[in-house]
C-alpha atoms as a PDB file:
ATOM      1  CA  ILE A   1     -12.146  -0.673  -5.689  1.00  0.00           C
ATOM      2  CA  ASN A   2     -10.371  -2.246  -2.735  1.00  0.00           C
ATOM      3  CA  ILE A   3      -6.922  -0.973  -1.814  1.00  0.00           C
ATOM      4  CA  GLY A   4      -7.411  -1.391   1.935  1.00  0.00           C
ATOM      5  CA  ARG A   5      -7.822  -4.818   3.482  1.00  0.00           C
ATOM      6  CA  GLY A   6      -8.603  -8.010   1.598  1.00  0.00           C
ATOM      7  CA  ARG A   7     -11.056  -9.211   4.206  1.00  0.00           C
ATOM      8  CA  SER A   8     -13.178  -6.059   3.890  1.00  0.00           C
ATOM      9  CA  VAL A   9     -14.713  -7.478   0.691  1.00  0.00           C
ATOM     10  CA  ASP A  10     -16.716 -10.701   0.541  1.00  0.00           C
ATOM     11  CA  GLU A  11     -15.012 -12.110  -2.538  1.00  0.00           C
ATOM     12  CA  SER A  12     -17.618 -14.780  -3.256  1.00  0.00           C
ATOM     13  CA  ALA A  13     -20.386 -12.138  -3.125  1.00  0.00           C
ATOM     14  CA  LEU A  14     -18.263  -9.919  -5.375  1.00  0.00           C
ATOM     15  CA  VAL A  15     -17.849 -12.744  -7.900  1.00  0.00           C
ATOM     16  CA  ASP A  16     -21.618 -13.388  -7.814  1.00  0.00           C
ATOM     17  CA  ALA A  17     -22.374  -9.675  -8.337  1.00  0.00           C
ATOM     18  CA  LEU A  18     -19.955  -9.535 -11.279  1.00  0.00           C
ATOM     19  CA  HIS A  19     -21.389 -12.711 -12.849  1.00  0.00           C
ATOM     20  CA  SER A  20     -24.963 -11.453 -12.507  1.00  0.00           C
ATOM     21  CA  GLY A  21     -24.176  -8.016 -13.920  1.00  0.00           C
ATOM     22  CA  GLN A  22     -25.107  -6.271 -10.676  1.00  0.00           C
ATOM     23  CA  LEU A  23     -21.569  -4.834 -10.821  1.00  0.00           C
ATOM     24  CA  ALA A  24     -19.844  -3.954 -14.064  1.00  0.00           C
ATOM     25  CA  GLY A  25     -16.334  -4.261 -12.695  1.00  0.00           C
ATOM     26  CA  ALA A  26     -13.932  -4.121  -9.805  1.00  0.00           C
ATOM     27  CA  GLY A  27     -10.401  -2.957  -9.104  1.00  0.00           C
ATOM     28  CA  LEU A  28      -8.592  -5.024  -6.479  1.00  0.00           C
ATOM     29  CA  ASP A  29      -5.152  -4.514  -4.979  1.00  0.00           C
ATOM     30  CA  VAL A  30      -5.710  -6.709  -1.893  1.00  0.00           C
ATOM     31  CA  PHE A  31      -7.372 -10.075  -1.403  1.00  0.00           C
ATOM     32  CA  SER A  32      -8.635 -12.345   1.376  1.00  0.00           C
ATOM     33  CA  THR A  33      -5.775 -14.733   0.574  1.00  0.00           C
ATOM     34  CA  GLU A  34      -2.521 -13.298  -0.728  1.00  0.00           C
ATOM     35  CA  PRO A  35      -1.224 -13.941  -3.171  1.00  0.00           C
ATOM     36  CA  LEU A  36      -4.522 -14.473  -4.958  1.00  0.00           C
ATOM     37  CA  PRO A  37      -4.805 -18.236  -5.569  1.00  0.00           C
ATOM     38  CA  PRO A  38      -4.418 -19.355  -9.198  1.00  0.00           C
ATOM     39  CA  ASP A  39      -7.892 -20.946  -9.135  1.00  0.00           C
ATOM     40  CA  SER A  40      -9.678 -17.750  -8.048  1.00  0.00           C
ATOM     41  CA  PRO A  41     -12.494 -16.834 -10.467  1.00  0.00           C
ATOM     42  CA  LEU A  42     -11.377 -13.199 -10.176  1.00  0.00           C
ATOM     43  CA  TRP A  43      -8.540 -13.935 -12.624  1.00  0.00           C
ATOM     44  CA  GLU A  44     -10.975 -14.684 -15.453  1.00  0.00           C
ATOM     45  CA  LEU A  45     -13.817 -12.190 -14.906  1.00  0.00           C
ATOM     46  CA  GLU A  46     -14.432  -9.409 -17.418  1.00  0.00           C
ATOM     47  CA  GLY A  47     -14.099  -5.904 -16.030  1.00  0.00           C
ATOM     48  CA  VAL A  48     -11.820  -6.883 -13.152  1.00  0.00           C
ATOM     49  CA  ILE A  49      -8.474  -5.180 -12.724  1.00  0.00           C
ATOM     50  CA  LEU A  50      -6.044  -6.962 -10.391  1.00  0.00           C
ATOM     51  CA  THR A  51      -2.876  -5.309  -9.106  1.00  0.00           C
ATOM     52  CA  PRO A  52      -0.083  -6.843  -6.986  1.00  0.00           C
ATOM     53  CA  HIS A  53      -0.735  -5.106  -3.626  1.00  0.00           C
ATOM     54  CA  HIS A  54       1.175  -1.967  -4.548  1.00  0.00           C
ATOM     55  CA  SER A  55      -1.431   0.755  -4.222  1.00  0.00           C
ATOM     56  CA  GLY A  56       0.535   2.312  -1.369  1.00  0.00           C
ATOM     57  CA  ASP A  57       3.712   2.651  -3.403  1.00  0.00           C
ATOM     58  CA  THR A  58       4.617   6.289  -3.923  1.00  0.00           C
ATOM     59  CA  TYR A  59       7.570   8.250  -5.244  1.00  0.00           C
ATOM     60  CA  THR A  60       8.859   8.709  -1.673  1.00  0.00           C
ATOM     61  CA  PHE A  61       7.883   5.256  -0.352  1.00  0.00           C
ATOM     62  CA  TYR A  62      11.415   4.010   0.372  1.00  0.00           C
ATOM     63  CA  ASP A  63      12.508   7.293   1.941  1.00  0.00           C
ATOM     64  CA  ASP A  64       9.371   7.207   4.106  1.00  0.00           C
ATOM     65  CA  ILE A  65       9.993   3.675   5.390  1.00  0.00           C
ATOM     66  CA  VAL A  66      13.629   4.529   6.199  1.00  0.00           C
ATOM     67  CA  ASP A  67      12.370   7.548   8.166  1.00  0.00           C
ATOM     68  CA  VAL A  68       9.965   5.333  10.138  1.00  0.00           C
ATOM     69  CA  PHE A  69      12.739   2.803  10.780  1.00  0.00           C
ATOM     70  CA  ARG A  70      15.124   5.502  12.037  1.00  0.00           C
ATOM     71  CA  ASP A  71      12.438   7.008  14.248  1.00  0.00           C
ATOM     72  CA  ASN A  72      11.500   3.582  15.645  1.00  0.00           C
ATOM     73  CA  LEU A  73      15.139   2.717  16.300  1.00  0.00           C
ATOM     74  CA  ASP A  74      15.530   5.969  18.235  1.00  0.00           C
ATOM     75  CA  ARG A  75      12.295   5.260  20.122  1.00  0.00           C
ATOM     76  CA  PHE A  76      13.370   1.684  20.893  1.00  0.00           C
ATOM     77  CA  LEU A  77      16.777   2.758  22.180  1.00  0.00           C
ATOM     78  CA  SER A  78      15.201   5.417  24.408  1.00  0.00           C
ATOM     79  CA  GLY A  79      12.392   3.133  25.696  1.00  0.00           C
ATOM     80  CA  ARG A  80       9.539   5.043  24.024  1.00  0.00           C
ATOM     81  CA  PRO A  81       6.542   3.429  22.254  1.00  0.00           C
ATOM     82  CA  LEU A  82       7.142   2.470  18.624  1.00  0.00           C
ATOM     83  CA  ARG A  83       5.193   3.754  15.615  1.00  0.00           C
ATOM     84  CA  ASN A  84       3.081   1.560  13.309  1.00  0.00           C
ATOM     85  CA  ILE A  85       2.687  -1.395  15.659  1.00  0.00           C
ATOM     86  CA  ILE A  86       0.707  -4.290  14.152  1.00  0.00           C
ATOM     87  CA  ASP A  87      -2.260  -5.525  16.175  1.00  0.00           C
ATOM     88  CA  LYS A  88      -2.232  -9.164  15.061  1.00  0.00           C
ATOM     89  CA  ARG A  89      -5.705  -9.760  16.516  1.00  0.00           C
ATOM     90  CA  LYS A  90      -7.100  -7.081  14.209  1.00  0.00           C
ATOM     91  CA  GLY A  91      -4.727  -7.863  11.340  1.00  0.00           C
ATOM     92  CA  TYR A  92      -3.563  -4.313  10.750  1.00  0.00           C
ATOM     93  CA  GLY A  93      -1.662  -1.408  12.279  1.00  0.00           C
ATOM     94  CA  ALA A  94      -2.691  -0.113  15.683  1.00  0.00           C
ATOM     95  CA  GLY A  95      -1.392   3.400  15.105  1.00  0.00           C
END
């Protein structure tokens, strides 16, 4: 199951392991390339569950992002460091 970062799974090795029977299945919410290309073999493999990058969606998701926005706006206006900054070299949040 991968709900973290698409690049944390070698998708070609995953496909090989699924084809060979080394793995019985996989659940994937993130992919190396998003959206998952139409020609990806993952679409057709038995035992693979694909979801549209929504594993982080929760009942309070929208309230939570508004809270972060408000906090960051307050931080920005007062010259303090922002929350949830993206480190583009790493490809994910820096904190």
